[in-house]
Amino acid sequence: MHDEKDIFIYAIAFIIAITLPLILLLNINSFIAIAIALVGYRVLRPHIFEPRFRFKSFIE
């Protein structure tokens, strides 16, 4: 079970994992690298991340 804090942490980790190699290895501008990472997360989220997330019920 994942709650909203876990999903936020996964998003940050994904964005950092994509941004740093783009900046350090490919010498892409940091603004463009962050934009690429954000768009990549937005595109991949419904297919890769959301099916694995299950929100904790507040009723439990």
N, C-alpha and C. Protein backbone atom coordinates (compact mmCIF):
# COMPACT_ATOMS: atom_id res chain seq x y z
N MET A 1 0.83 -1.18 0.00
CA MET A 1 0.00 0.00 0.00
C MET A 1 0.88 1.25 0.00
N HIS A 2 0.50 2.21 -0.80
CA HIS A 2 1.24 3.46 -0.90
C HIS A 2 0.32 4.60 -0.50
N ASP A 3 0.87 5.57 0.17
CA ASP A 3 0.10 6.77 0.41
C ASP A 3 0.67 7.90 -0.44
N GLU A 4 0.10 9.07 -0.31
CA GLU A 4 0.47 10.17 -1.19
C GLU A 4 1.93 10.60 -1.01
N LYS A 5 2.47 10.47 0.20
CA LYS A 5 3.88 10.83 0.42
C LYS A 5 4.80 9.91 -0.37
N ASP A 6 4.47 8.62 -0.43
CA ASP A 6 5.28 7.67 -1.20
C ASP A 6 5.29 8.03 -2.68
N ILE A 7 4.15 8.36 -3.22
CA ILE A 7 4.05 8.71 -4.63
C ILE A 7 4.85 9.98 -4.92
N PHE A 8 4.80 10.94 -4.01
CA PHE A 8 5.58 12.16 -4.18
C PHE A 8 7.07 11.85 -4.17
N ILE A 9 7.50 10.96 -3.29
CA ILE A 9 8.91 10.57 -3.23
C ILE A 9 9.32 9.85 -4.50
N TYR A 10 8.48 8.96 -5.02
CA TYR A 10 8.78 8.26 -6.27
C TYR A 10 8.91 9.25 -7.43
N ALA A 11 8.04 10.25 -7.46
CA ALA A 11 8.10 11.25 -8.53
C ALA A 11 9.40 12.04 -8.47
N ILE A 12 9.78 12.47 -7.28
CA ILE A 12 11.02 13.22 -7.11
C ILE A 12 12.22 12.36 -7.52
N ALA A 13 12.22 11.10 -7.08
CA ALA A 13 13.33 10.19 -7.42
C ALA A 13 13.43 9.99 -8.93
N PHE A 14 12.28 9.82 -9.59
CA PHE A 14 12.28 9.64 -11.04
C PHE A 14 12.82 10.87 -11.74
N ILE A 15 12.37 12.04 -11.33
CA ILE A 15 12.80 13.28 -11.96
C ILE A 15 14.30 13.50 -11.77
N ILE A 16 14.80 13.22 -10.58
CA ILE A 16 16.24 13.36 -10.33
C ILE A 16 17.03 12.34 -11.13
N ALA A 17 16.52 11.11 -11.21
CA ALA A 17 17.22 10.05 -11.94
C ALA A 17 17.31 10.33 -13.43
N ILE A 18 16.37 11.07 -13.97
CA ILE A 18 16.42 11.43 -15.39
C ILE A 18 17.20 12.72 -15.60
N THR A 19 17.01 13.69 -14.73
CA THR A 19 17.63 15.00 -14.90
C THR A 19 19.15 14.96 -14.78
N LEU A 20 19.65 14.31 -13.75
CA LEU A 20 21.10 14.32 -13.54
C LEU A 20 21.91 13.74 -14.70
N PRO A 21 21.55 12.57 -15.24
CA PRO A 21 22.32 12.09 -16.40
C PRO A 21 22.22 13.01 -17.61
N LEU A 22 21.05 13.62 -17.81
CA LEU A 22 20.92 14.54 -18.94
C LEU A 22 21.85 15.74 -18.79
N ILE A 23 21.95 16.24 -17.57
CA ILE A 23 22.81 17.41 -17.33
C ILE A 23 24.29 17.01 -17.34
N LEU A 24 24.63 15.96 -16.61
CA LEU A 24 26.04 15.62 -16.44
C LEU A 24 26.66 14.89 -17.62
N LEU A 25 25.92 13.98 -18.23
CA LEU A 25 26.50 13.18 -19.31
C LEU A 25 26.29 13.79 -20.69
N LEU A 26 25.13 14.38 -20.90
CA LEU A 26 24.83 14.91 -22.23
C LEU A 26 24.97 16.43 -22.34
N ASN A 27 25.33 17.08 -21.22
CA ASN A 27 25.52 18.53 -21.18
C ASN A 27 24.31 19.30 -21.71
N ILE A 28 23.13 18.85 -21.31
CA ILE A 28 21.90 19.55 -21.68
C ILE A 28 21.65 20.63 -20.64
N ASN A 29 21.12 21.75 -21.07
CA ASN A 29 20.75 22.83 -20.18
C ASN A 29 19.85 22.29 -19.07
N SER A 30 20.04 22.73 -17.83
CA SER A 30 19.30 22.19 -16.70
C SER A 30 17.80 22.45 -16.81
N PHE A 31 17.41 23.59 -17.32
CA PHE A 31 15.99 23.89 -17.50
C PHE A 31 15.35 22.91 -18.48
N ILE A 32 16.02 22.64 -19.57
CA ILE A 32 15.51 21.71 -20.58
C ILE A 32 15.50 20.29 -20.02
N ALA A 33 16.53 19.91 -19.26
CA ALA A 33 16.59 18.57 -18.68
C ALA A 33 15.45 18.33 -17.69
N ILE A 34 15.16 19.33 -16.88
CA ILE A 34 14.05 19.20 -15.94
C ILE A 34 12.73 19.12 -16.69
N ALA A 35 12.57 19.90 -17.73
CA ALA A 35 11.35 19.85 -18.54
C ALA A 35 11.18 18.47 -19.18
N ILE A 36 12.25 17.89 -19.69
CA ILE A 36 12.20 16.55 -20.28
C ILE A 36 11.80 15.52 -19.23
N ALA A 37 12.38 15.63 -18.03
CA ALA A 37 12.06 14.69 -16.95
C ALA A 37 10.61 14.82 -16.52
N LEU A 38 10.10 16.04 -16.41
CA LEU A 38 8.71 16.24 -16.01
C LEU A 38 7.74 15.71 -17.06
N VAL A 39 8.03 15.98 -18.31
CA VAL A 39 7.16 15.46 -19.38
C VAL A 39 7.24 13.93 -19.43
N GLY A 40 8.44 13.39 -19.24
CA GLY A 40 8.60 11.94 -19.21
C GLY A 40 7.81 11.30 -18.08
N TYR A 41 7.85 11.92 -16.91
CA TYR A 41 7.07 11.39 -15.79
C TYR A 41 5.58 11.48 -16.07
N ARG A 42 5.15 12.59 -16.65
CA ARG A 42 3.73 12.77 -16.97
C ARG A 42 3.24 11.75 -17.98
N VAL A 43 4.08 11.41 -18.95
CA VAL A 43 3.70 10.44 -19.98
C VAL A 43 3.72 9.02 -19.42
N LEU A 44 4.70 8.70 -18.60
CA LEU A 44 4.84 7.34 -18.08
C LEU A 44 3.98 7.05 -16.86
N ARG A 45 3.54 8.07 -16.15
CA ARG A 45 2.79 7.86 -14.92
C ARG A 45 1.55 6.99 -15.09
N PRO A 46 0.67 7.22 -16.07
CA PRO A 46 -0.54 6.38 -16.17
C PRO A 46 -0.24 4.93 -16.55
N HIS A 47 0.88 4.69 -17.21
CA HIS A 47 1.17 3.35 -17.70
C HIS A 47 2.07 2.54 -16.77
N ILE A 48 2.99 3.19 -16.09
CA ILE A 48 3.98 2.48 -15.28
C ILE A 48 3.73 2.66 -13.79
N PHE A 49 3.50 3.89 -13.35
CA PHE A 49 3.44 4.17 -11.92
C PHE A 49 2.07 3.92 -11.31
N GLU A 50 1.02 4.47 -11.91
CA GLU A 50 -0.31 4.38 -11.30
C GLU A 50 -0.83 2.97 -11.12
N PRO A 51 -0.60 2.03 -12.05
CA PRO A 51 -1.10 0.67 -11.81
C PRO A 51 -0.48 0.01 -10.59
N ARG A 52 0.69 0.45 -10.18
CA ARG A 52 1.36 -0.15 -9.02
C ARG A 52 1.02 0.54 -7.71
N PHE A 53 0.40 1.72 -7.78
CA PHE A 53 0.06 2.47 -6.57
C PHE A 53 -1.31 2.04 -6.07
N ARG A 54 -1.41 1.85 -4.79
CA ARG A 54 -2.71 1.64 -4.15
C ARG A 54 -2.74 2.55 -2.94
N PHE A 55 -3.66 3.46 -2.98
CA PHE A 55 -3.75 4.42 -1.88
C PHE A 55 -4.29 3.74 -0.63
N LYS A 56 -3.74 4.12 0.51
CA LYS A 56 -4.27 3.64 1.78
C LYS A 56 -5.61 4.27 2.02
N SER A 57 -6.52 3.49 2.49
CA SER A 57 -7.84 4.01 2.80
C SER A 57 -7.79 4.70 4.16
N PHE A 58 -8.41 5.85 4.22
CA PHE A 58 -8.43 6.59 5.49
C PHE A 58 -9.41 5.96 6.47
N ILE A 59 -10.25 5.05 6.00
CA ILE A 59 -11.24 4.41 6.86
C ILE A 59 -10.62 3.31 7.70
N GLU A 60 -9.54 2.70 7.22
CA GLU A 60 -8.92 1.56 7.90
C GLU A 60 -8.58 1.85 9.31
